[in-house]
C-alpha atoms as a PDB file:
ATOM      1  CA  PHE A   1       4.036   5.153 -15.696  1.00  0.00           C
ATOM      2  CA  SER A   2       3.604   5.248 -12.086  1.00  0.00           C
ATOM      3  CA  TRP A   3       0.179   3.765 -12.420  1.00  0.00           C
ATOM      4  CA  LEU A   4       2.219   0.349 -13.725  1.00  0.00           C
ATOM      5  CA  ILE A   5       2.317  -0.321 -10.216  1.00  0.00           C
ATOM      6  CA  SER A   6      -0.726  -1.549  -9.853  1.00  0.00           C
ATOM      7  CA  ALA A   7       0.437  -4.849 -11.669  1.00  0.00           C
ATOM      8  CA  TRP A   8       2.054  -5.786  -8.974  1.00  0.00           C
ATOM      9  CA  VAL A   9      -0.375  -5.339  -6.194  1.00  0.00           C
ATOM     10  CA  ASN A  10      -1.881  -9.127  -6.653  1.00  0.00           C
ATOM     11  CA  SER A  11      -4.446 -10.570  -4.239  1.00  0.00           C
ATOM     12  CA  GLN A  12      -4.879 -13.505  -6.087  1.00  0.00           C
ATOM     13  CA  GLU A  13      -1.284 -14.856  -4.402  1.00  0.00           C
ATOM     14  CA  PRO A  14      -1.895 -17.922  -2.539  1.00  0.00           C
ATOM     15  CA  ARG A  15       0.410 -17.136   0.649  1.00  0.00           C
ATOM     16  CA  LEU A  16      -1.793 -14.358   1.505  1.00  0.00           C
ATOM     17  CA  GLY A  17      -3.939 -16.545   2.645  1.00  0.00           C
ATOM     18  CA  LEU A  18      -2.271 -17.597   5.830  1.00  0.00           C
ATOM     19  CA  VAL A  19      -1.909 -13.576   6.807  1.00  0.00           C
ATOM     20  CA  ARG A  20      -5.587 -13.130   6.308  1.00  0.00           C
ATOM     21  CA  GLN A  21      -6.261 -16.301   8.584  1.00  0.00           C
ATOM     22  CA  ARG A  22      -3.844 -14.719  10.835  1.00  0.00           C
ATOM     23  CA  ALA A  23      -5.762 -11.643  10.966  1.00  0.00           C
ATOM     24  CA  LEU A  24      -9.428 -12.867  11.229  1.00  0.00           C
ATOM     25  CA  ASP A  25      -7.914 -14.356  14.514  1.00  0.00           C
ATOM     26  CA  PHE A  26      -6.844 -10.657  15.518  1.00  0.00           C
ATOM     27  CA  PHE A  27     -10.468  -9.276  14.473  1.00  0.00           C
ATOM     28  CA  PRO A  28     -12.693 -12.061  13.473  1.00  0.00           C
ATOM     29  CA  ARG A  29     -15.213  -9.371  11.797  1.00  0.00           C
ATOM     30  CA  LEU A  30     -12.612  -9.063   8.869  1.00  0.00           C
ATOM     31  CA  GLY A  31     -15.017 -10.802   6.426  1.00  0.00           C
ATOM     32  CA  VAL A  32     -17.711  -8.437   7.161  1.00  0.00           C
ATOM     33  CA  GLN A  33     -18.212  -5.825   4.466  1.00  0.00           C
ATOM     34  CA  THR A  34     -17.188  -2.666   5.451  1.00  0.00           C
ATOM     35  CA  GLU A  35     -20.123  -0.479   3.828  1.00  0.00           C
ATOM     36  CA  SER A  36     -22.398  -2.409   6.550  1.00  0.00           C
ATOM     37  CA  ALA A  37     -20.493  -1.452   9.637  1.00  0.00           C
ATOM     38  CA  GLU A  38     -22.245   1.962  11.463  1.00  0.00           C
ATOM     39  CA  ASP A  39     -18.469   3.922  11.061  1.00  0.00           C
ATOM     40  CA  PRO A  40     -17.111   2.545   8.029  1.00  0.00           C
ATOM     41  CA  ARG A  41     -13.685   4.485   8.480  1.00  0.00           C
ATOM     42  CA  LEU A  42     -13.363   3.297  11.904  1.00  0.00           C
ATOM     43  CA  PHE A  43     -14.241  -0.327  10.680  1.00  0.00           C
ATOM     44  CA  ALA A  44     -11.722   0.094   7.649  1.00  0.00           C
ATOM     45  CA  GLY A  45      -9.224   0.868  10.144  1.00  0.00           C
ATOM     46  CA  GLN A  46      -9.840  -1.935  12.542  1.00  0.00           C
ATOM     47  CA  LYS A  47      -9.735  -4.209   9.758  1.00  0.00           C
ATOM     48  CA  VAL A  48      -6.346  -2.618   8.727  1.00  0.00           C
ATOM     49  CA  GLU A  49      -4.617  -2.672  11.865  1.00  0.00           C
ATOM     50  CA  ALA A  50      -5.656  -6.872  11.671  1.00  0.00           C
ATOM     51  CA  ILE A  51      -3.545  -7.248   8.372  1.00  0.00           C
ATOM     52  CA  TYR A  52      -0.646  -5.309   9.882  1.00  0.00           C
ATOM     53  CA  ARG A  53      -0.403  -7.345  12.825  1.00  0.00           C
ATOM     54  CA  ALA A  54      -1.126 -10.828  10.924  1.00  0.00           C
ATOM     55  CA  LEU A  55       1.953  -9.255   8.795  1.00  0.00           C
ATOM     56  CA  GLN A  56       4.207  -8.930  11.451  1.00  0.00           C
ATOM     57  CA  GLY A  57       4.117 -12.465  12.278  1.00  0.00           C
ATOM     58  CA  GLU A  58       5.981 -13.490   8.814  1.00  0.00           C
ATOM     59  CA  ASN A  59       8.841 -11.598  10.528  1.00  0.00           C
ATOM     60  CA  ILE A  60       9.947  -9.212   7.328  1.00  0.00           C
ATOM     61  CA  GLN A  61      12.887  -7.368   7.339  1.00  0.00           C
ATOM     62  CA  TYR A  62      13.734  -3.824   5.726  1.00  0.00           C
ATOM     63  CA  PHE A  63      16.158  -4.504   2.694  1.00  0.00           C
ATOM     64  CA  ASP A  64      17.085  -1.601   0.817  1.00  0.00           C
ATOM     65  CA  ASN A  65      17.317  -3.770  -2.151  1.00  0.00           C
ATOM     66  CA  ALA A  66      16.271  -0.493  -4.645  1.00  0.00           C
ATOM     67  CA  VAL A  67      17.988  -2.055  -7.875  1.00  0.00           C
ATOM     68  CA  VAL A  68      17.286   0.705 -10.352  1.00  0.00           C
ATOM     69  CA  PHE A  69      17.704   0.045 -13.780  1.00  0.00           C
ATOM     70  CA  HIS A  70      17.092   3.287 -15.134  1.00  0.00           C
ATOM     71  CA  SER A  71      17.625   6.404 -14.661  1.00  0.00           C
ATOM     72  CA  GLY A  72      17.215   9.943 -15.971  1.00  0.00           C
ATOM     73  CA  GLU A  73      16.302  13.561 -15.813  1.00  0.00           C
ATOM     74  CA  PHE A  74      12.984  13.557 -13.789  1.00  0.00           C
ATOM     75  CA  GLN A  75      12.869   9.895 -14.447  1.00  0.00           C
ATOM     76  CA  TYR A  76      12.604   7.399 -11.472  1.00  0.00           C
ATOM     77  CA  MET A  77      12.685   3.609 -12.340  1.00  0.00           C
ATOM     78  CA  GLN A  78      13.173   0.572  -9.656  1.00  0.00           C
ATOM     79  CA  ARG A  79      12.822  -3.249  -9.381  1.00  0.00           C
ATOM     80  CA  VAL A  80       9.938  -4.034  -7.647  1.00  0.00           C
ATOM     81  CA  GLN A  81       9.677  -7.889  -6.494  1.00  0.00           C
ATOM     82  CA  SER A  82       6.372  -9.233  -6.187  1.00  0.00           C
ATOM     83  CA  CYS A  83       4.381 -10.494  -3.074  1.00  0.00           C
ATOM     84  CA  ALA A  84       5.393 -13.718  -3.345  1.00  0.00           C
ATOM     85  CA  THR A  85       9.047 -13.130  -3.375  1.00  0.00           C
ATOM     86  CA  THR A  86       8.673 -10.705  -0.435  1.00  0.00           C
ATOM     87  CA  ILE A  87       7.026 -13.291   1.689  1.00  0.00           C
ATOM     88  CA  GLU A  88       9.377 -15.721   0.891  1.00  0.00           C
ATOM     89  CA  THR A  89      12.618 -14.177   1.513  1.00  0.00           C
ATOM     90  CA  ALA A  90      11.135 -12.050   4.220  1.00  0.00           C
ATOM     91  CA  LYS A  91      12.833  -8.787   2.959  1.00  0.00           C
ATOM     92  CA  GLY A  92      11.899  -6.071   1.607  1.00  0.00           C
ATOM     93  CA  ASN A  93      11.875  -2.199   0.470  1.00  0.00           C
ATOM     94  CA  CYS A  94       9.611   0.557   1.095  1.00  0.00           C
ATOM     95  CA  LEU A  95       7.913  -0.438  -2.214  1.00  0.00           C
ATOM     96  CA  ASP A  96       7.917  -3.691  -2.179  1.00  0.00           C
ATOM     97  CA  ASN A  97       6.212  -3.498   1.508  1.00  0.00           C
ATOM     98  CA  SER A  98       3.602  -1.432   0.144  1.00  0.00           C
ATOM     99  CA  VAL A  99       2.688  -3.546  -2.683  1.00  0.00           C
ATOM    100  CA  LEU A 100       2.588  -6.666  -0.028  1.00  0.00           C
ATOM    101  CA  PHE A 101       0.465  -4.859   2.506  1.00  0.00           C
ATOM    102  CA  ALA A 102      -1.870  -3.374  -0.990  1.00  0.00           C
ATOM    103  CA  SER A 103      -2.323  -6.971  -1.655  1.00  0.00           C
ATOM    104  CA  LEU A 104      -3.441  -7.666   1.361  1.00  0.00           C
ATOM    105  CA  LEU A 105      -5.928  -5.012   1.980  1.00  0.00           C
ATOM    106  CA  SER A 106      -7.390  -5.684  -2.015  1.00  0.00           C
ATOM    107  CA  LEU A 107      -7.337  -9.262  -0.589  1.00  0.00           C
ATOM    108  CA  CYS A 108      -9.767  -8.464   2.422  1.00  0.00           C
ATOM    109  CA  GLY A 109     -12.141  -5.906   0.470  1.00  0.00           C
ATOM    110  CA  ILE A 110     -10.218  -2.771   1.518  1.00  0.00           C
ATOM    111  CA  ASP A 111      -9.656  -0.305  -1.392  1.00  0.00           C
ATOM    112  CA  PRO A 112      -5.678  -0.238  -1.708  1.00  0.00           C
ATOM    113  CA  GLY A 113      -3.590   2.743  -3.032  1.00  0.00           C
ATOM    114  CA  ILE A 114       0.406   3.202  -3.276  1.00  0.00           C
ATOM    115  CA  LEU A 115       1.467   6.738  -2.230  1.00  0.00           C
ATOM    116  CA  LEU A 116       5.072   7.475  -4.111  1.00  0.00           C
ATOM    117  CA  MET A 117       7.324  10.469  -3.189  1.00  0.00           C
ATOM    118  CA  PRO A 118      11.039  10.794  -4.055  1.00  0.00           C
ATOM    119  CA  GLY A 119      12.933   8.183  -2.372  1.00  0.00           C
ATOM    120  CA  HIS A 120       9.869   6.485  -0.456  1.00  0.00           C
ATOM    121  CA  ALA A 121       6.620   4.558  -0.547  1.00  0.00           C
ATOM    122  CA  LEU A 122       3.375   4.187   1.562  1.00  0.00           C
ATOM    123  CA  ALA A 123       0.928   2.096   1.530  1.00  0.00           C
ATOM    124  CA  ALA A 124      -2.693   3.511   1.834  1.00  0.00           C
ATOM    125  CA  TRP A 125      -6.173   2.358   2.229  1.00  0.00           C
ATOM    126  CA  ARG A 126      -9.621   4.266   2.107  1.00  0.00           C
ATOM    127  CA  ALA A 127     -13.221   3.105   3.630  1.00  0.00           C
ATOM    128  CA  PRO A 128     -15.690   2.671   0.372  1.00  0.00           C
ATOM    129  CA  SER A 129     -17.825   5.214   1.325  1.00  0.00           C
ATOM    130  CA  ALA A 130     -15.058   7.749   1.895  1.00  0.00           C
ATOM    131  CA  ALA A 131     -14.730  10.553  -0.549  1.00  0.00           C
ATOM    132  CA  GLY A 132     -12.168   9.784  -3.416  1.00  0.00           C
ATOM    133  CA  ASN A 133      -9.245  11.677  -1.668  1.00  0.00           C
ATOM    134  CA  ASP A 134      -9.616  10.442   1.646  1.00  0.00           C
ATOM    135  CA  TRP A 135      -7.288   8.339   2.053  1.00  0.00           C
ATOM    136  CA  LYS A 136      -5.184   6.831   4.947  1.00  0.00           C
ATOM    137  CA  TYR A 137      -1.635   5.890   5.123  1.00  0.00           C
ATOM    138  CA  ILE A 138       0.777   3.552   6.785  1.00  0.00           C
ATOM    139  CA  ASP A 139       4.477   3.523   6.552  1.00  0.00           C
ATOM    140  CA  THR A 140       5.331  -0.510   6.237  1.00  0.00           C
ATOM    141  CA  THR A 141       9.113  -0.103   6.301  1.00  0.00           C
ATOM    142  CA  GLY A 142       9.328  -1.192  10.308  1.00  0.00           C
ATOM    143  CA  LEU A 143       6.818  -4.250   9.589  1.00  0.00           C
ATOM    144  CA  SER A 144       8.684  -6.684  12.138  1.00  0.00           C
ATOM    145  CA  LEU A 145       9.383  -3.625  14.849  1.00  0.00           C
ATOM    146  CA  VAL A 146       6.870  -0.849  14.561  1.00  0.00           C
ATOM    147  CA  PRO A 147       3.413  -0.901  15.802  1.00  0.00           C
ATOM    148  CA  PHE A 148       0.820   0.066  14.035  1.00  0.00           C
ATOM    149  CA  GLU A 149      -0.052   3.134  15.617  1.00  0.00           C
ATOM    150  CA  GLN A 150       3.711   4.545  15.201  1.00  0.00           C
ATOM    151  CA  ALA A 151       3.292   3.005  11.490  1.00  0.00           C
ATOM    152  CA  THR A 152       0.382   4.851  10.698  1.00  0.00           C
ATOM    153  CA  ALA A 153       1.481   8.187  12.669  1.00  0.00           C
ATOM    154  CA  LEU A 154       4.941   8.201  11.316  1.00  0.00           C
ATOM    155  CA  ALA A 155       3.343   8.260   7.397  1.00  0.00           C
ATOM    156  CA  THR A 156       0.747  10.408   8.386  1.00  0.00           C
ATOM    157  CA  GLU A 157       3.517  13.018   9.212  1.00  0.00           C
ATOM    158  CA  LEU A 158       5.481  12.550   5.895  1.00  0.00           C
ATOM    159  CA  VAL A 159       1.753  13.403   4.198  1.00  0.00           C
ATOM    160  CA  ARG A 160       1.244  16.157   6.272  1.00  0.00           C
ATOM    161  CA  LYS A 161       4.904  17.473   5.492  1.00  0.00           C
ATOM    162  CA  ARG A 162       3.951  17.360   1.572  1.00  0.00           C
ATOM    163  CA  GLU A 163       0.175  18.014   1.981  1.00  0.00           C
ATOM    164  CA  ARG A 164       0.438  20.678  -0.752  1.00  0.00           C
ATOM    165  CA  THR A 165       2.250  18.176  -3.342  1.00  0.00           C
ATOM    166  CA  VAL A 166      -0.313  15.366  -2.996  1.00  0.00           C
ATOM    167  CA  GLN A 167      -2.092  14.292  -6.171  1.00  0.00           C
ATOM    168  CA  VAL A 168      -4.085  11.560  -7.195  1.00  0.00           C
ATOM    169  CA  LEU A 169      -2.761   9.966 -10.181  1.00  0.00           C
ATOM    170  CA  PRO A 170      -4.990  11.252 -13.318  1.00  0.00           C
ATOM    171  CA  PRO A 171      -4.592   9.327 -16.620  1.00  0.00           C
ATOM    172  CA  ALA A 172      -2.021  11.777 -18.272  1.00  0.00           C
ATOM    173  CA  ALA A 173      -0.141  13.346 -15.259  1.00  0.00           C
ATOM    174  CA  THR A 174       2.883  15.341 -15.464  1.00  0.00           C
ATOM    175  CA  LEU A 175       4.493  16.532 -12.272  1.00  0.00           C
ATOM    176  CA  ALA A 176       4.704  20.265 -11.405  1.00  0.00           C
ATOM    177  CA  ASP A 177       7.968  19.745  -9.861  1.00  0.00           C
ATOM    178  CA  PRO A 178       9.697  16.213 -10.402  1.00  0.00           C
ATOM    179  CA  GLU A 179      11.893  16.449  -7.194  1.00  0.00           C
ATOM    180  CA  ASP A 180       9.213  17.270  -4.645  1.00  0.00           C
ATOM    181  CA  PHE A 181       5.916  14.845  -5.435  1.00  0.00           C
ATOM    182  CA  ALA A 182       3.541  12.800  -3.783  1.00  0.00           C
ATOM    183  CA  ILE A 183       1.106  10.725  -6.049  1.00  0.00           C
ATOM    184  CA  ILE A 184      -1.296   8.530  -4.955  1.00  0.00           C
ATOM    185  CA  VAL A 185      -1.883   5.452  -7.070  1.00  0.00           C
ATOM    186  CA  ASP A 186      -5.675   4.400  -6.914  1.00  0.00           C
ATOM    187  CA  VAL A 187      -4.602   0.606  -7.415  1.00  0.00           C
ATOM    188  CA  HIS A 188      -8.336  -0.569  -7.918  1.00  0.00           C
ATOM    189  CA  ASP A 189      -9.239   2.433 -10.272  1.00  0.00           C
ATOM    190  CA  THR A 190      -6.209   1.640 -11.999  1.00  0.00           C
ATOM    191  CA  ILE A 191      -6.406  -2.089 -12.296  1.00  0.00           C
ATOM    192  CA  ARG A 192     -10.313  -1.172 -14.073  1.00  0.00           C
ATOM    193  CA  THR A 193      -9.376   1.482 -16.046  1.00  0.00           C
ATOM    194  CA  ARG A 194      -6.502   0.606 -17.789  1.00  0.00           C
ATOM    195  CA  ARG A 195      -6.882  -3.419 -17.524  1.00  0.00           C
ATOM    196  CA  ILE A 196      -4.127  -4.190 -15.828  1.00  0.00           C
ATOM    197  CA  ALA A 197      -3.357  -8.009 -15.116  1.00  0.00           C
ATOM    198  CA  GLN A 198      -2.130  -8.497 -11.950  1.00  0.00           C
ATOM    199  CA  ILE A 199       1.595 -10.257 -11.515  1.00  0.00           C
END
Protein backbone atom coordinates (compact mmCIF):
# COMPACT_ATOMS: atom_id res chain seq x y z
CA PHE A 1 0.00 0.00 0.00
CA SER A 2 2.96 2.35 -0.45
CA TRP A 3 1.05 4.11 -3.21
CA LEU A 4 -1.35 5.52 -0.58
CA ILE A 5 1.25 8.17 0.30
CA SER A 6 0.00 9.98 -2.82
CA ALA A 7 -3.22 10.87 -0.99
CA TRP A 8 -1.28 13.12 1.41
CA VAL A 9 0.23 15.14 -1.44
CA ASN A 10 -2.18 18.07 -1.60
CA SER A 11 -1.46 20.88 -4.02
CA GLN A 12 -4.77 22.53 -3.06
CA GLU A 13 -3.65 23.39 0.48
CA PRO A 14 -4.08 27.21 0.76
CA ARG A 15 -0.97 27.68 2.94
CA LEU A 16 1.21 26.56 0.05
CA GLY A 17 0.35 29.71 -1.89
CA LEU A 18 2.56 31.89 0.30
CA VAL A 19 5.52 29.56 -0.18
CA ARG A 20 4.91 29.56 -3.94
CA GLN A 21 4.85 33.37 -3.91
CA ARG A 22 8.25 33.45 -2.18
CA ALA A 23 9.55 30.94 -4.74
CA LEU A 24 8.49 33.35 -7.49
CA ASP A 25 10.69 35.99 -5.86
CA PHE A 26 13.66 33.61 -6.16
CA PHE A 27 12.79 32.49 -9.69
CA PRO A 28 10.26 34.70 -11.53
CA ARG A 29 9.91 32.12 -14.34
CA LEU A 30 8.43 29.60 -11.89
CA GLY A 31 5.04 29.82 -13.62
CA VAL A 32 6.43 29.22 -17.12
CA GLN A 33 5.78 25.74 -18.52
CA THR A 34 8.87 23.57 -18.28
CA GLU A 35 8.23 22.01 -21.70
CA SER A 36 8.84 25.38 -23.38
CA ALA A 37 12.38 25.68 -21.97
CA GLU A 38 15.47 24.92 -24.07
CA ASP A 39 16.66 22.43 -21.46
CA PRO A 40 13.58 21.18 -19.54
CA ARG A 41 15.64 19.24 -16.99
CA LEU A 42 17.79 22.24 -16.08
CA PHE A 43 14.72 24.49 -16.01
CA ALA A 44 12.84 22.06 -13.73
CA GLY A 45 15.89 21.96 -11.43
CA GLN A 46 15.89 25.77 -11.20
CA LYS A 47 12.23 25.70 -10.24
CA VAL A 48 12.86 23.03 -7.60
CA GLU A 49 15.71 25.05 -6.11
CA ALA A 50 13.46 28.13 -5.86
CA ILE A 51 10.78 26.05 -4.12
CA TYR A 52 13.32 24.62 -1.68
CA ARG A 53 14.75 28.06 -0.87
CA ALA A 54 11.24 29.46 -0.37
CA LEU A 55 10.31 26.58 1.92
CA GLN A 56 13.38 27.29 4.02
CA GLY A 57 11.59 30.50 5.03
CA GLU A 58 9.10 28.38 6.97
CA ASN A 59 11.96 27.34 9.30
CA ILE A 60 10.71 23.74 9.51
CA GLN A 61 12.68 21.74 12.05
CA TYR A 62 13.33 18.02 11.78
CA PHE A 63 11.30 16.20 14.40
CA ASP A 64 11.34 12.42 14.51
CA ASN A 65 7.65 11.95 15.23
CA ALA A 66 7.30 8.69 13.33
CA VAL A 67 4.47 7.20 15.36
CA VAL A 68 4.04 3.62 14.20
CA PHE A 69 0.48 2.32 14.44
CA HIS A 70 1.22 -1.17 13.20
CA SER A 71 4.35 -3.20 12.82
CA GLY A 72 4.54 -6.72 11.52
CA GLU A 73 6.98 -8.86 9.65
CA PHE A 74 7.89 -6.97 6.46
CA GLN A 75 5.14 -4.39 7.10
CA TYR A 76 6.02 -0.75 7.66
CA MET A 77 3.28 1.70 8.64
CA GLN A 78 3.59 5.10 10.25
CA ARG A 79 1.50 8.16 10.85
CA VAL A 80 1.80 10.86 8.21
CA GLN A 81 0.82 14.45 8.91
CA SER A 82 -0.77 16.75 6.37
CA CYS A 83 1.31 19.42 4.68
CA ALA A 84 -0.85 22.02 6.50
CA THR A 85 0.16 20.53 9.86
CA THR A 86 3.85 20.50 8.89
CA ILE A 87 3.67 24.21 8.02
CA GLU A 88 1.58 25.12 11.10
CA THR A 89 3.83 23.32 13.59
CA ALA A 90 7.07 23.98 11.67
CA LYS A 91 8.05 20.39 12.49
CA GLY A 92 8.22 17.24 10.42
CA ASN A 93 10.09 14.02 9.86
CA CYS A 94 11.49 12.85 6.53
CA LEU A 95 8.12 11.57 5.30
CA ASP A 96 6.17 14.65 6.42
CA ASN A 97 8.68 16.97 4.75
CA SER A 98 8.70 14.88 1.58
CA VAL A 99 4.90 15.07 1.40
CA LEU A 100 5.05 18.85 1.87
CA PHE A 101 7.73 19.24 -0.78
CA ALA A 102 5.88 16.98 -3.23
CA SER A 103 2.74 19.07 -2.67
CA LEU A 104 4.64 22.24 -3.58
CA LEU A 105 6.15 20.57 -6.65
CA SER A 106 2.67 19.57 -7.79
CA LEU A 107 1.34 23.09 -7.19
CA CYS A 108 4.16 24.50 -9.33
CA GLY A 109 3.56 22.08 -12.22
CA ILE A 110 6.49 19.74 -11.56
CA ASP A 111 5.96 15.97 -11.54
CA PRO A 112 6.47 14.86 -7.89
CA GLY A 113 7.54 11.54 -6.46
CA ILE A 114 8.32 10.15 -3.03
CA LEU A 115 11.07 7.57 -2.60
CA LEU A 116 10.44 5.20 0.30
CA MET A 117 13.27 3.22 1.89
CA PRO A 118 13.60 1.40 5.21
CA GLY A 119 13.62 4.17 7.82
CA HIS A 120 13.77 7.10 5.38
CA ALA A 121 11.95 8.98 2.62
CA LEU A 122 13.10 11.42 -0.05
CA ALA A 123 11.19 13.82 -2.25
CA ALA A 124 11.69 13.40 -6.00
CA TRP A 125 10.90 15.22 -9.23
CA ARG A 126 11.32 14.90 -12.96
CA ALA A 127 10.90 17.22 -15.91
CA PRO A 128 7.77 16.59 -18.02
CA SER A 129 9.85 15.51 -21.00
CA ALA A 130 12.08 13.19 -18.94
CA ALA A 131 11.98 9.42 -19.29
CA GLY A 132 9.77 7.52 -16.85
CA ASN A 133 12.55 6.67 -14.40
CA ASP A 134 14.61 9.84 -14.76
CA TRP A 135 13.94 11.05 -11.23
CA LYS A 136 16.04 13.56 -9.30
CA TYR A 137 16.02 13.42 -5.51
CA ILE A 138 16.26 15.75 -2.54
CA ASP A 139 16.61 15.06 1.17
CA THR A 140 14.23 17.38 3.03
CA THR A 141 15.21 16.50 6.59
CA GLY A 142 17.52 19.52 6.89
CA LEU A 143 15.19 22.07 5.31
CA SER A 144 16.01 24.88 7.71
CA LEU A 145 19.81 24.38 7.65
CA VAL A 146 21.00 22.56 4.56
CA PRO A 147 21.54 24.41 1.24
CA PHE A 148 19.82 23.06 -1.88
CA GLU A 149 23.01 21.71 -3.47
CA GLN A 150 23.88 19.76 -0.33
CA ALA A 151 20.31 18.42 0.07
CA THR A 152 20.33 17.08 -3.50
CA ALA A 153 23.87 15.69 -3.12
CA LEU A 154 22.88 13.84 0.08
CA ALA A 155 19.84 12.35 -1.64
CA THR A 156 21.79 11.41 -4.76
CA GLU A 157 24.35 9.58 -2.64
CA LEU A 158 21.64 7.69 -0.73
CA VAL A 159 20.00 6.63 -4.00
CA ARG A 160 23.36 5.67 -5.54
CA LYS A 161 23.94 3.24 -2.66
CA ARG A 162 20.57 1.62 -3.39
CA GLU A 163 20.74 1.91 -7.16
CA ARG A 164 20.10 -1.76 -7.76
CA THR A 165 16.96 -1.75 -5.60
CA VAL A 166 15.24 1.44 -6.80
CA GLN A 167 12.01 0.60 -8.56
CA VAL A 168 8.93 2.48 -9.67
CA LEU A 169 6.01 1.04 -7.81
CA PRO A 170 3.86 -1.08 -10.15
CA PRO A 171 0.17 -1.51 -9.21
CA ALA A 172 0.65 -4.88 -7.49
CA ALA A 173 4.29 -4.85 -6.45
CA THR A 174 5.85 -7.17 -3.95
CA LEU A 175 9.30 -6.52 -2.58
CA ALA A 176 12.12 -8.87 -3.49
CA ASP A 177 13.86 -7.96 -0.23
CA PRO A 178 11.59 -6.30 2.37
CA GLU A 179 14.61 -5.12 4.35
CA ASP A 180 16.46 -3.59 1.40
CA PHE A 181 14.18 -1.64 -0.91
CA ALA A 182 13.74 1.75 -2.51
CA ILE A 183 10.33 2.40 -4.04
CA ILE A 184 9.57 5.55 -6.00
CA VAL A 185 5.89 6.44 -5.85
CA ASP A 186 4.96 8.47 -8.94
CA VAL A 187 2.43 10.77 -7.27
CA HIS A 188 0.58 12.16 -10.30
CA ASP A 189 0.40 8.79 -12.05
CA THR A 190 -0.85 7.11 -8.86
CA ILE A 191 -3.51 9.77 -8.24
CA ARG A 192 -4.68 9.46 -11.85
CA THR A 193 -4.69 5.66 -12.19
CA ARG A 194 -6.03 4.87 -8.73
CA ARG A 195 -8.38 7.87 -8.62
CA ILE A 196 -7.14 8.99 -5.24
CA ALA A 197 -8.68 11.99 -3.51
CA GLN A 198 -6.13 14.27 -1.87
CA ILE A 199 -6.29 14.58 1.93
